[in-house]
Amino acid sequence: MLFFIRIVRDADKLDIWSVFLEYYESPPASKASAVGLGLPDLPEYSIDVLSCLYKKEIVSLATIKTLNDFKLLQLSWIFDLNYKPHFGCSETEII
């Protein structure tokens, strides 16, 4: 059962990344503000967020302050993927 739970979790991450990508590529007028959590879209990021990424940890929602932090949080989900094929590898082995 754990095998299937991990596959579903990975699939969920892959799916939500496509939703966020579409959101970020949309013109500002058509963006749903709830997707960006109402965070300010500033050209900066938090040191705490970068520290988590450097340590290969998932960024906590509590540490984000800007939309860029939120984007980095989403990228940190890569550290929670379970199977190599979800990275584009050909093996079905657990990471």
PDB file of N, CA and C in Angstrom:
ATOM      1  N   MET A   1       0.826  -1.180   0.000  1.00  0.00           N
ATOM      2  CA  MET A   1       0.000   0.000   0.000  1.00  0.00           C
ATOM      3  C   MET A   1       0.880   1.258   0.000  1.00  0.00           C
ATOM      4  N   LEU A   2       2.005   1.220   0.710  1.00  0.00           N
ATOM      5  CA  LEU A   2       2.898   2.370   0.763  1.00  0.00           C
ATOM      6  C   LEU A   2       3.392   2.757  -0.635  1.00  0.00           C
ATOM      7  N   PHE A   3       3.644   1.764  -1.461  1.00  0.00           N
ATOM      8  CA  PHE A   3       4.066   2.005  -2.836  1.00  0.00           C
ATOM      9  C   PHE A   3       3.058   2.905  -3.555  1.00  0.00           C
ATOM     10  N   PHE A   4       1.777   2.570  -3.452  1.00  0.00           N
ATOM     11  CA  PHE A   4       0.734   3.329  -4.143  1.00  0.00           C
ATOM     12  C   PHE A   4       0.520   4.707  -3.518  1.00  0.00           C
ATOM     13  N   ILE A   5       0.642   4.800  -2.212  1.00  0.00           N
ATOM     14  CA  ILE A   5       0.512   6.102  -1.541  1.00  0.00           C
ATOM     15  C   ILE A   5       1.597   7.049  -2.034  1.00  0.00           C
ATOM     16  N   ARG A   6       2.821   6.538  -2.146  1.00  0.00           N
ATOM     17  CA  ARG A   6       3.927   7.379  -2.626  1.00  0.00           C
ATOM     18  C   ARG A   6       3.717   7.806  -4.074  1.00  0.00           C
ATOM     19  N   ILE A   7       3.194   6.907  -4.884  1.00  0.00           N
ATOM     20  CA  ILE A   7       2.920   7.265  -6.290  1.00  0.00           C
ATOM     21  C   ILE A   7       1.870   8.373  -6.350  1.00  0.00           C
ATOM     22  N   VAL A   8       0.817   8.251  -5.568  1.00  0.00           N
ATOM     23  CA  VAL A   8      -0.237   9.265  -5.568  1.00  0.00           C
ATOM     24  C   VAL A   8       0.311  10.604  -5.067  1.00  0.00           C
ATOM     25  N   ARG A   9       1.124  10.583  -4.033  1.00  0.00           N
ATOM     26  CA  ARG A   9       1.723  11.834  -3.527  1.00  0.00           C
ATOM     27  C   ARG A   9       2.592  12.489  -4.592  1.00  0.00           C
ATOM     28  N   ASP A  10       3.408  11.691  -5.270  1.00  0.00           N
ATOM     29  CA  ASP A  10       4.247  12.243  -6.337  1.00  0.00           C
ATOM     30  C   ASP A  10       3.379  12.811  -7.465  1.00  0.00           C
ATOM     31  N   ALA A  11       2.358  12.074  -7.860  1.00  0.00           N
ATOM     32  CA  ALA A  11       1.474  12.538  -8.935  1.00  0.00           C
ATOM     33  C   ALA A  11       0.793  13.847  -8.564  1.00  0.00           C
ATOM     34  N   ASP A  12       0.417  13.975  -7.307  1.00  0.00           N
ATOM     35  CA  ASP A  12      -0.222  15.201  -6.842  1.00  0.00           C
ATOM     36  C   ASP A  12       0.728  16.386  -6.978  1.00  0.00           C
ATOM     37  N   LYS A  13       1.980  16.194  -6.606  1.00  0.00           N
ATOM     38  CA  LYS A  13       2.970  17.278  -6.743  1.00  0.00           C
ATOM     39  C   LYS A  13       3.172  17.641  -8.209  1.00  0.00           C
ATOM     40  N   LEU A  14       3.338  16.635  -9.053  1.00  0.00           N
ATOM     41  CA  LEU A  14       3.538  16.900 -10.473  1.00  0.00           C
ATOM     42  C   LEU A  14       2.350  17.649 -11.071  1.00  0.00           C
ATOM     43  N   ASP A  15       1.159  17.293 -10.650  1.00  0.00           N
ATOM     44  CA  ASP A  15      -0.044  17.946 -11.149  1.00  0.00           C
ATOM     45  C   ASP A  15      -0.126  19.395 -10.673  1.00  0.00           C
ATOM     46  N   ILE A  16       0.127  19.627  -9.410  1.00  0.00           N
ATOM     47  CA  ILE A  16      -0.007  20.997  -8.888  1.00  0.00           C
ATOM     48  C   ILE A  16       1.072  21.914  -9.465  1.00  0.00           C
ATOM     49  N   TRP A  17       2.243  21.354  -9.771  1.00  0.00           N
ATOM     50  CA  TRP A  17       3.269  22.174 -10.418  1.00  0.00           C
ATOM     51  C   TRP A  17       2.763  22.707 -11.753  1.00  0.00           C
ATOM     52  N   SER A  18       2.029  21.907 -12.506  1.00  0.00           N
ATOM     53  CA  SER A  18       1.508  22.379 -13.796  1.00  0.00           C
ATOM     54  C   SER A  18       0.474  23.479 -13.587  1.00  0.00           C
ATOM     55  N   VAL A  19      -0.317  23.382 -12.523  1.00  0.00           N
ATOM     56  CA  VAL A  19      -1.303  24.424 -12.204  1.00  0.00           C
ATOM     57  C   VAL A  19      -0.598  25.736 -11.875  1.00  0.00           C
ATOM     58  N   PHE A  20       0.434  25.657 -11.042  1.00  0.00           N
ATOM     59  CA  PHE A  20       1.170  26.871 -10.677  1.00  0.00           C
ATOM     60  C   PHE A  20       1.913  27.453 -11.874  1.00  0.00           C
ATOM     61  N   LEU A  21       2.472  26.611 -12.718  1.00  0.00           N
ATOM     62  CA  LEU A  21       3.164  27.104 -13.902  1.00  0.00           C
ATOM     63  C   LEU A  21       2.209  27.901 -14.786  1.00  0.00           C
ATOM     64  N   GLU A  22       1.012  27.377 -14.983  1.00  0.00           N
ATOM     65  CA  GLU A  22       0.004  28.087 -15.769  1.00  0.00           C
ATOM     66  C   GLU A  22      -0.343  29.428 -15.115  1.00  0.00           C
ATOM     67  N   TYR A  23      -0.465  29.425 -13.784  1.00  0.00           N
ATOM     68  CA  TYR A  23      -0.761  30.656 -13.044  1.00  0.00           C
ATOM     69  C   TYR A  23       0.342  31.693 -13.257  1.00  0.00           C
ATOM     70  N   TYR A  24       1.596  31.289 -13.110  1.00  0.00           N
ATOM     71  CA  TYR A  24       2.713  32.229 -13.238  1.00  0.00           C
ATOM     72  C   TYR A  24       2.873  32.756 -14.655  1.00  0.00           C
ATOM     73  N   GLU A  25       2.452  31.979 -15.648  1.00  0.00           N
ATOM     74  CA  GLU A  25       2.561  32.417 -17.040  1.00  0.00           C
ATOM     75  C   GLU A  25       1.366  33.242 -17.506  1.00  0.00           C
ATOM     76  N   SER A  26       0.313  33.328 -16.697  1.00  0.00           N
ATOM     77  CA  SER A  26      -0.891  34.063 -17.066  1.00  0.00           C
ATOM     78  C   SER A  26      -0.675  35.568 -16.947  1.00  0.00           C
ATOM     79  N   PRO A  27      -1.404  36.337 -17.746  1.00  0.00           N
ATOM     80  CA  PRO A  27      -1.346  37.786 -17.594  1.00  0.00           C
ATOM     81  C   PRO A  27      -1.887  38.187 -16.218  1.00  0.00           C
ATOM     82  N   PRO A  28      -1.359  39.246 -15.633  1.00  0.00           N
ATOM     83  CA  PRO A  28      -1.771  39.650 -14.280  1.00  0.00           C
ATOM     84  C   PRO A  28      -3.286  39.793 -14.099  1.00  0.00           C
ATOM     85  N   ALA A  29      -3.972  40.271 -15.110  1.00  0.00           N
ATOM     86  CA  ALA A  29      -5.418  40.495 -14.980  1.00  0.00           C
ATOM     87  C   ALA A  29      -6.214  39.199 -14.819  1.00  0.00           C
ATOM     88  N   SER A  30      -5.678  38.089 -15.306  1.00  0.00           N
ATOM     89  CA  SER A  30      -6.432  36.835 -15.237  1.00  0.00           C
ATOM     90  C   SER A  30      -5.985  35.915 -14.106  1.00  0.00           C
ATOM     91  N   LYS A  31      -5.088  36.395 -13.250  1.00  0.00           N
ATOM     92  CA  LYS A  31      -4.592  35.565 -12.149  1.00  0.00           C
ATOM     93  C   LYS A  31      -5.556  35.598 -10.969  1.00  0.00           C
ATOM     94  N   ALA A  32      -5.829  34.428 -10.433  1.00  0.00           N
ATOM     95  CA  ALA A  32      -6.636  34.341  -9.210  1.00  0.00           C
ATOM     96  C   ALA A  32      -5.709  34.650  -8.035  1.00  0.00           C
ATOM     97  N   SER A  33      -6.006  35.689  -7.285  1.00  0.00           N
ATOM     98  CA  SER A  33      -5.098  36.123  -6.218  1.00  0.00           C
ATOM     99  C   SER A  33      -4.916  35.068  -5.138  1.00  0.00           C
ATOM    100  N   ALA A  34      -5.884  34.199  -4.956  1.00  0.00           N
ATOM    101  CA  ALA A  34      -5.779  33.171  -3.918  1.00  0.00           C
ATOM    102  C   ALA A  34      -4.634  32.205  -4.198  1.00  0.00           C
ATOM    103  N   VAL A  35      -4.313  31.983  -5.462  1.00  0.00           N
ATOM    104  CA  VAL A  35      -3.246  31.045  -5.811  1.00  0.00           C
ATOM    105  C   VAL A  35      -1.903  31.551  -5.297  1.00  0.00           C
ATOM    106  N   GLY A  36      -1.689  32.848  -5.363  1.00  0.00           N
ATOM    107  CA  GLY A  36      -0.448  33.449  -4.872  1.00  0.00           C
ATOM    108  C   GLY A  36      -0.490  33.786  -3.397  1.00  0.00           C
ATOM    109  N   LEU A  37      -1.542  33.369  -2.716  1.00  0.00           N
ATOM    110  CA  LEU A  37      -1.720  33.585  -1.272  1.00  0.00           C
ATOM    111  C   LEU A  37      -1.704  35.055  -0.869  1.00  0.00           C
ATOM    112  N   GLY A  38      -1.887  35.934  -1.847  1.00  0.00           N
ATOM    113  CA  GLY A  38      -1.886  37.367  -1.545  1.00  0.00           C
ATOM    114  C   GLY A  38      -0.513  37.901  -1.159  1.00  0.00           C
ATOM    115  N   LEU A  39       0.534  37.144  -1.468  1.00  0.00           N
ATOM    116  CA  LEU A  39       1.897  37.553  -1.117  1.00  0.00           C
ATOM    117  C   LEU A  39       2.380  38.659  -2.045  1.00  0.00           C
ATOM    118  N   PRO A  40       3.189  39.572  -1.534  1.00  0.00           N
ATOM    119  CA  PRO A  40       3.708  40.639  -2.396  1.00  0.00           C
ATOM    120  C   PRO A  40       4.678  40.070  -3.433  1.00  0.00           C
ATOM    121  N   ASP A  41       4.544  40.542  -4.657  1.00  0.00           N
ATOM    122  CA  ASP A  41       5.402  40.094  -5.761  1.00  0.00           C
ATOM    123  C   ASP A  41       6.607  41.031  -5.841  1.00  0.00           C
ATOM    124  N   LEU A  42       7.549  40.815  -4.940  1.00  0.00           N
ATOM    125  CA  LEU A  42       8.749  41.645  -4.852  1.00  0.00           C
ATOM    126  C   LEU A  42       9.957  40.883  -5.377  1.00  0.00           C
ATOM    127  N   PRO A  43      10.960  41.597  -5.881  1.00  0.00           N
ATOM    128  CA  PRO A  43      12.153  40.919  -6.420  1.00  0.00           C
ATOM    129  C   PRO A  43      13.135  40.535  -5.308  1.00  0.00           C
ATOM    130  N   GLU A  44      12.663  39.776  -4.347  1.00  0.00           N
ATOM    131  CA  GLU A  44      13.530  39.360  -3.237  1.00  0.00           C
ATOM    132  C   GLU A  44      13.087  38.001  -2.734  1.00  0.00           C
ATOM    133  N   TYR A  45      13.868  37.447  -1.846  1.00  0.00           N
ATOM    134  CA  TYR A  45      13.594  36.141  -1.250  1.00  0.00           C
ATOM    135  C   TYR A  45      14.186  36.146   0.153  1.00  0.00           C
ATOM    136  N   SER A  46      13.739  35.209   0.969  1.00  0.00           N
ATOM    137  CA  SER A  46      14.158  35.151   2.367  1.00  0.00           C
ATOM    138  C   SER A  46      15.340  34.204   2.542  1.00  0.00           C
ATOM    139  N   ILE A  47      16.239  34.597   3.409  1.00  0.00           N
ATOM    140  CA  ILE A  47      17.415  33.777   3.716  1.00  0.00           C
ATOM    141  C   ILE A  47      16.989  32.427   4.289  1.00  0.00           C
ATOM    142  N   ASP A  48      15.945  32.412   5.130  1.00  0.00           N
ATOM    143  CA  ASP A  48      15.472  31.147   5.715  1.00  0.00           C
ATOM    144  C   ASP A  48      15.025  30.162   4.638  1.00  0.00           C
ATOM    145  N   VAL A  49      14.394  30.680   3.596  1.00  0.00           N
ATOM    146  CA  VAL A  49      13.938  29.835   2.493  1.00  0.00           C
ATOM    147  C   VAL A  49      15.144  29.259   1.755  1.00  0.00           C
ATOM    148  N   LEU A  50      16.111  30.105   1.459  1.00  0.00           N
ATOM    149  CA  LEU A  50      17.315  29.636   0.772  1.00  0.00           C
ATOM    150  C   LEU A  50      18.081  28.629   1.621  1.00  0.00           C
ATOM    151  N   SER A  51      18.080  28.830   2.909  1.00  0.00           N
ATOM    152  CA  SER A  51      18.749  27.901   3.816  1.00  0.00           C
ATOM    153  C   SER A  51      18.125  26.508   3.741  1.00  0.00           C
ATOM    154  N   CYS A  52      16.807  26.452   3.693  1.00  0.00           N
ATOM    155  CA  CYS A  52      16.116  25.161   3.562  1.00  0.00           C
ATOM    156  C   CYS A  52      16.504  24.480   2.254  1.00  0.00           C
ATOM    157  N   LEU A  53      16.527  25.245   1.176  1.00  0.00           N
ATOM    158  CA  LEU A  53      16.887  24.670  -0.121  1.00  0.00           C
ATOM    159  C   LEU A  53      18.319  24.158  -0.111  1.00  0.00           C
ATOM    160  N   TYR A  54      19.208  24.912   0.489  1.00  0.00           N
ATOM    161  CA  TYR A  54      20.609  24.508   0.568  1.00  0.00           C
ATOM    162  C   TYR A  54      20.752  23.189   1.324  1.00  0.00           C
ATOM    163  N   LYS A  55      19.919  22.995   2.345  1.00  0.00           N
ATOM    164  CA  LYS A  55      19.954  21.766   3.153  1.00  0.00           C
ATOM    165  C   LYS A  55      19.088  20.653   2.556  1.00  0.00           C
ATOM    166  N   LYS A  56      18.500  20.921   1.378  1.00  0.00           N
ATOM    167  CA  LYS A  56      17.627  19.962   0.694  1.00  0.00           C
ATOM    168  C   LYS A  56      16.431  19.579   1.564  1.00  0.00           C
ATOM    169  N   GLU A  57      15.825  20.604   2.151  1.00  0.00           N
ATOM    170  CA  GLU A  57      14.638  20.426   2.986  1.00  0.00           C
ATOM    171  C   GLU A  57      13.445  21.108   2.326  1.00  0.00           C
ATOM    172  N   ILE A  58      12.273  20.635   2.668  1.00  0.00           N
ATOM    173  CA  ILE A  58      11.052  21.271   2.188  1.00  0.00           C
ATOM    174  C   ILE A  58      10.869  22.579   2.955  1.00  0.00           C
ATOM    175  N   VAL A  59      10.605  23.635   2.239  1.00  0.00           N
ATOM    176  CA  VAL A  59      10.402  24.954   2.839  1.00  0.00           C
ATOM    177  C   VAL A  59       9.059  24.985   3.558  1.00  0.00           C
ATOM    178  N   SER A  60       9.054  25.520   4.751  1.00  0.00           N
ATOM    179  CA  SER A  60       7.822  25.643   5.527  1.00  0.00           C
ATOM    180  C   SER A  60       7.048  26.881   5.080  1.00  0.00           C
ATOM    181  N   LEU A  61       5.752  26.742   4.990  1.00  0.00           N
ATOM    182  CA  LEU A  61       4.892  27.869   4.621  1.00  0.00           C
ATOM    183  C   LEU A  61       5.051  29.019   5.613  1.00  0.00           C
ATOM    184  N   ALA A  62       5.379  28.713   6.842  1.00  0.00           N
ATOM    185  CA  ALA A  62       5.539  29.739   7.878  1.00  0.00           C
ATOM    186  C   ALA A  62       6.731  30.666   7.612  1.00  0.00           C
ATOM    187  N   THR A  63       7.672  30.251   6.768  1.00  0.00           N
ATOM    188  CA  THR A  63       8.873  31.064   6.534  1.00  0.00           C
ATOM    189  C   THR A  63       8.764  31.997   5.339  1.00  0.00           C
ATOM    190  N   ILE A  64       7.722  31.854   4.535  1.00  0.00           N
ATOM    191  CA  ILE A  64       7.665  32.647   3.304  1.00  0.00           C
ATOM    192  C   ILE A  64       7.085  34.042   3.555  1.00  0.00           C
ATOM    193  N   LYS A  65       7.653  34.998   2.806  1.00  0.00           N
ATOM    194  CA  LYS A  65       7.229  36.396   2.940  1.00  0.00           C
ATOM    195  C   LYS A  65       6.835  37.027   1.615  1.00  0.00           C
ATOM    196  N   THR A  66       7.333  36.453   0.519  1.00  0.00           N
ATOM    197  CA  THR A  66       7.064  37.022  -0.806  1.00  0.00           C
ATOM    198  C   THR A  66       6.626  35.921  -1.776  1.00  0.00           C
ATOM    199  N   LEU A  67       6.165  36.342  -2.930  1.00  0.00           N
ATOM    200  CA  LEU A  67       5.776  35.388  -3.962  1.00  0.00           C
ATOM    201  C   LEU A  67       6.988  34.570  -4.414  1.00  0.00           C
ATOM    202  N   ASN A  68       8.166  35.190  -4.465  1.00  0.00           N
ATOM    203  CA  ASN A  68       9.370  34.439  -4.814  1.00  0.00           C
ATOM    204  C   ASN A  68       9.653  33.349  -3.791  1.00  0.00           C
ATOM    205  N   ASP A  69       9.448  33.632  -2.517  1.00  0.00           N
ATOM    206  CA  ASP A  69       9.597  32.605  -1.478  1.00  0.00           C
ATOM    207  C   ASP A  69       8.636  31.453  -1.732  1.00  0.00           C
ATOM    208  N   PHE A  70       7.407  31.783  -2.122  1.00  0.00           N
ATOM    209  CA  PHE A  70       6.405  30.761  -2.377  1.00  0.00           C
ATOM    210  C   PHE A  70       6.810  29.888  -3.567  1.00  0.00           C
ATOM    211  N   LYS A  71       7.384  30.506  -4.590  1.00  0.00           N
ATOM    212  CA  LYS A  71       7.871  29.746  -5.744  1.00  0.00           C
ATOM    213  C   LYS A  71       8.987  28.794  -5.311  1.00  0.00           C
ATOM    214  N   LEU A  72       9.875  29.275  -4.461  1.00  0.00           N
ATOM    215  CA  LEU A  72      10.950  28.420  -3.967  1.00  0.00           C
ATOM    216  C   LEU A  72      10.405  27.296  -3.088  1.00  0.00           C
ATOM    217  N   LEU A  73       9.368  27.597  -2.313  1.00  0.00           N
ATOM    218  CA  LEU A  73       8.706  26.558  -1.517  1.00  0.00           C
ATOM    219  C   LEU A  73       8.204  25.447  -2.441  1.00  0.00           C
ATOM    220  N   GLN A  74       7.573  25.836  -3.531  1.00  0.00           N
ATOM    221  CA  GLN A  74       7.051  24.849  -4.475  1.00  0.00           C
ATOM    222  C   GLN A  74       8.182  24.031  -5.092  1.00  0.00           C
ATOM    223  N   LEU A  75       9.292  24.687  -5.388  1.00  0.00           N
ATOM    224  CA  LEU A  75      10.440  23.952  -5.925  1.00  0.00           C
ATOM    225  C   LEU A  75      11.015  22.984  -4.893  1.00  0.00           C
ATOM    226  N   SER A  76      10.904  23.316  -3.624  1.00  0.00           N
ATOM    227  CA  SER A  76      11.456  22.445  -2.584  1.00  0.00           C
ATOM    228  C   SER A  76      10.702  21.120  -2.489  1.00  0.00           C
ATOM    229  N   TRP A  77       9.515  21.037  -3.061  1.00  0.00           N
ATOM    230  CA  TRP A  77       8.762  19.784  -3.037  1.00  0.00           C
ATOM    231  C   TRP A  77       9.519  18.675  -3.764  1.00  0.00           C
ATOM    232  N   ILE A  78      10.484  19.056  -4.592  1.00  0.00           N
ATOM    233  CA  ILE A  78      11.275  18.043  -5.292  1.00  0.00           C
ATOM    234  C   ILE A  78      11.988  17.127  -4.295  1.00  0.00           C
ATOM    235  N   PHE A  79      12.272  17.649  -3.107  1.00  0.00           N
ATOM    236  CA  PHE A  79      12.942  16.843  -2.082  1.00  0.00           C
ATOM    237  C   PHE A  79      12.001  15.817  -1.454  1.00  0.00           C
ATOM    238  N   ASP A  80      10.740  15.868  -1.818  1.00  0.00           N
ATOM    239  CA  ASP A  80       9.757  14.940  -1.281  1.00  0.00           C
ATOM    240  C   ASP A  80       9.223  13.981  -2.352  1.00  0.00           C
ATOM    241  N   LEU A  81       9.822  14.008  -3.552  1.00  0.00           N
ATOM    242  CA  LEU A  81       9.434  13.025  -4.569  1.00  0.00           C
ATOM    243  C   LEU A  81      10.045  11.680  -4.203  1.00  0.00           C
ATOM    244  N   ASN A  82       9.346  10.608  -4.518  1.00  0.00           N
ATOM    245  CA  ASN A  82       9.748   9.284  -4.065  1.00  0.00           C
ATOM    246  C   ASN A  82      10.369   8.384  -5.124  1.00  0.00           C
ATOM    247  N   TYR A  83      10.036   8.565  -6.397  1.00  0.00           N
ATOM    248  CA  TYR A  83      10.454   7.619  -7.419  1.00  0.00           C
ATOM    249  C   TYR A  83      11.208   8.301  -8.547  1.00  0.00           C
ATOM    250  N   LYS A  84      12.279   7.677  -8.995  1.00  0.00           N
ATOM    251  CA  LYS A  84      13.130   8.237 -10.051  1.00  0.00           C
ATOM    252  C   LYS A  84      12.386   8.596 -11.334  1.00  0.00           C
ATOM    253  N   PRO A  85      11.402   7.805 -11.790  1.00  0.00           N
ATOM    254  CA  PRO A  85      10.720   8.190 -13.034  1.00  0.00           C
ATOM    255  C   PRO A  85      10.064   9.574 -12.955  1.00  0.00           C
ATOM    256  N   HIS A  86       9.737  10.024 -11.778  1.00  0.00           N
ATOM    257  CA  HIS A  86       9.119  11.341 -11.634  1.00  0.00           C
ATOM    258  C   HIS A  86      10.131  12.463 -11.829  1.00  0.00           C
ATOM    259  N   PHE A  87      11.410  12.084 -11.869  1.00  0.00           N
ATOM    260  CA  PHE A  87      12.475  13.033 -12.207  1.00  0.00           C
ATOM    261  C   PHE A  87      12.854  12.917 -13.671  1.00  0.00           C
ATOM    262  N   GLY A  88      12.213  11.988 -14.390  1.00  0.00           N
ATOM    263  CA  GLY A  88      12.564  11.744 -15.782  1.00  0.00           C
ATOM    264  C   GLY A  88      13.554  10.599 -15.931  1.00  0.00           C
ATOM    265  N   CYS A  89      13.857   9.878 -14.837  1.00  0.00           N
ATOM    266  CA  CYS A  89      14.738   8.718 -14.897  1.00  0.00           C
ATOM    267  C   CYS A  89      13.945   7.498 -15.367  1.00  0.00           C
ATOM    268  N   SER A  90      14.635   6.457 -15.775  1.00  0.00           N
ATOM    269  CA  SER A  90      13.946   5.293 -16.313  1.00  0.00           C
ATOM    270  C   SER A  90      13.718   4.195 -15.282  1.00  0.00           C
ATOM    271  N   GLU A  91      14.336   4.272 -14.140  1.00  0.00           N
ATOM    272  CA  GLU A  91      14.182   3.220 -13.126  1.00  0.00           C
ATOM    273  C   GLU A  91      12.973   3.496 -12.243  1.00  0.00           C
ATOM    274  N   THR A  92      12.392   2.452 -11.692  1.00  0.00           N
ATOM    275  CA  THR A  92      11.243   2.597 -10.790  1.00  0.00           C
ATOM    276  C   THR A  92      11.670   2.410  -9.338  1.00  0.00           C
ATOM    277  N   GLU A  93      12.869   2.727  -9.056  1.00  0.00           N
ATOM    278  CA  GLU A  93      13.396   2.524  -7.716  1.00  0.00           C
ATOM    279  C   GLU A  93      13.053   3.719  -6.829  1.00  0.00           C
ATOM    280  N   ILE A  94      12.912   3.448  -5.552  1.00  0.00           N
ATOM    281  CA  ILE A  94      12.640   4.509  -4.576  1.00  0.00           C
ATOM    282  C   ILE A  94      13.908   5.309  -4.376  1.00  0.00           C
ATOM    283  N   ILE A  95      13.754   6.590  -4.284  1.00  0.00           N
ATOM    284  CA  ILE A  95      14.902   7.477  -4.071  1.00  0.00           C
ATOM    285  C   ILE A  95      15.276   7.462  -2.605  1.00  0.00           C
TER     286      ILE A  95
END
